[in-house]
Every structure is written in C-alpha cells, then in structure tokens.
C-alpha cells in the first residue's frame, strides 16, 4: 500500500482490519501464530484544520433571510452549529426537547453519552423564530419530534445540510470548499483565541481525549507567531 502511494490513514485502516482478523483467528484457534502481530501502523500527521475568519462567519450567517420556513430553518441550523461546535450528525439528530431556550442550552446526545452546551443570544433568537414560524410550516406529522425538518417533514440529512452550507458560502463569496465541519473548527479556535480554557472546549466538542482538542491550540499558536512577526519591531 505504501508503494502504491496510499495515504497513512488509509493504510492504518487496512492494517486495523487485518490485525482484528488475525487476532480473531488466533482466539478461535484456527491458526497458532498471528502473522500481523509485529506490523506497525504508519504515523499519521494531523493536519491543521481549516477555519473561517470571524468576518467570514458573519458573512455566512447573514445569508439566510427570515421570510420563508426554509430560510428560518437554515438560519437556525447555521447559528446553532457555530454557537455550539457540535458535529453535523449531532445537529440533524437534535429533537425539540433537546432545546432549552429559557436557560439557553441544548442537550447533545451521541450514543450513550450526553452533554449540555450553552447557546448564545443569536442562536437562541434564530431557534425561537424557527420554532415559532418555520417548523410549524414544515411539519407534516404532529407527533414528529425531530427539530430540523426538510420539505417532506422528515429529519434533515447530513448531505442535505452540506449542500445548504456550500450554497450559502458561495453566496457569501467565501473561497474554497466550505463544510459544516469547518464551522466546528472555527468555533473551537475562536473560543481559544478569546480566552476559553482547553478543558471547557474539549467538553463542548465532546472529545474523549484532550489531545484531539489540542490541535486547535497549534493553530492558535501559529496565528500568534504570525501576528508577532508582523507587529514586533525586532521580529
């Protein structure tokens, strides 16, 4: 695979499957020795995540209008995504009772784990407008509990929301391939830039290992060095 020029992440996934397979064969006594025992996965270098500037975030969030049900929904989804940093899969899986507007937080559940994440004023306002004016137009089944609905009154898909983000990014004139995950990265970096502690950001992002969150500090440090180089008279 290395000779074929495959990426380290691809090789690691392949190797994990091979190791699991031979481990199973040894456990079941189909073979006496694990031929993959001493194979080592290649080192995967974590790429510094792409983020949007605060100005680009403002431009993106300003794109949806406040007239149609779709616009109200899109506005709420974008505001919540940037306000909380949740994954797009978590965003589309939210239910109405996961939102607590009076106390300004949402409950995000992944598997058996649940976490409470605060939302800001803008996200609260967008959610209120969507629930009051938008969702009532999209809902077909009164018993539907999913928060964000498509035109069919069903749960919004990840792919559907990816297209929404892409379209609004193009309308905002933001270059490059903009994905929902870039808003998650931007949320984390902007919090750290403004003094948030790493543990709090880790908890809000739902990272089980703080080393995953630390990648954002590297990006923040890169920016600090750039500012220093431009501003310090003897840099």
Foldseek 3Di string as FASTA:
>chain_A
DVVVVDALVVQVVVLVVLQVVQVVCCVVVVDVDRPSVPPDRDDDDDDQAAADDPVLLVLLLPQQDLDALVSLLLNLLSQCCLQQLEDLVQSLQFWPVQDDLVVAWGWTDDDPDIAITGGDPSNSVSLVSNVVPRLVCQADDPPDGGRRADNVNDGDDQVNSQVVSQVSSVVSVPDDRDGSNNSSLHSLLVCVLVPDDQVVNCRSHVPPDSVVSCSSVVVVVVVVVVCCVVPPPVD
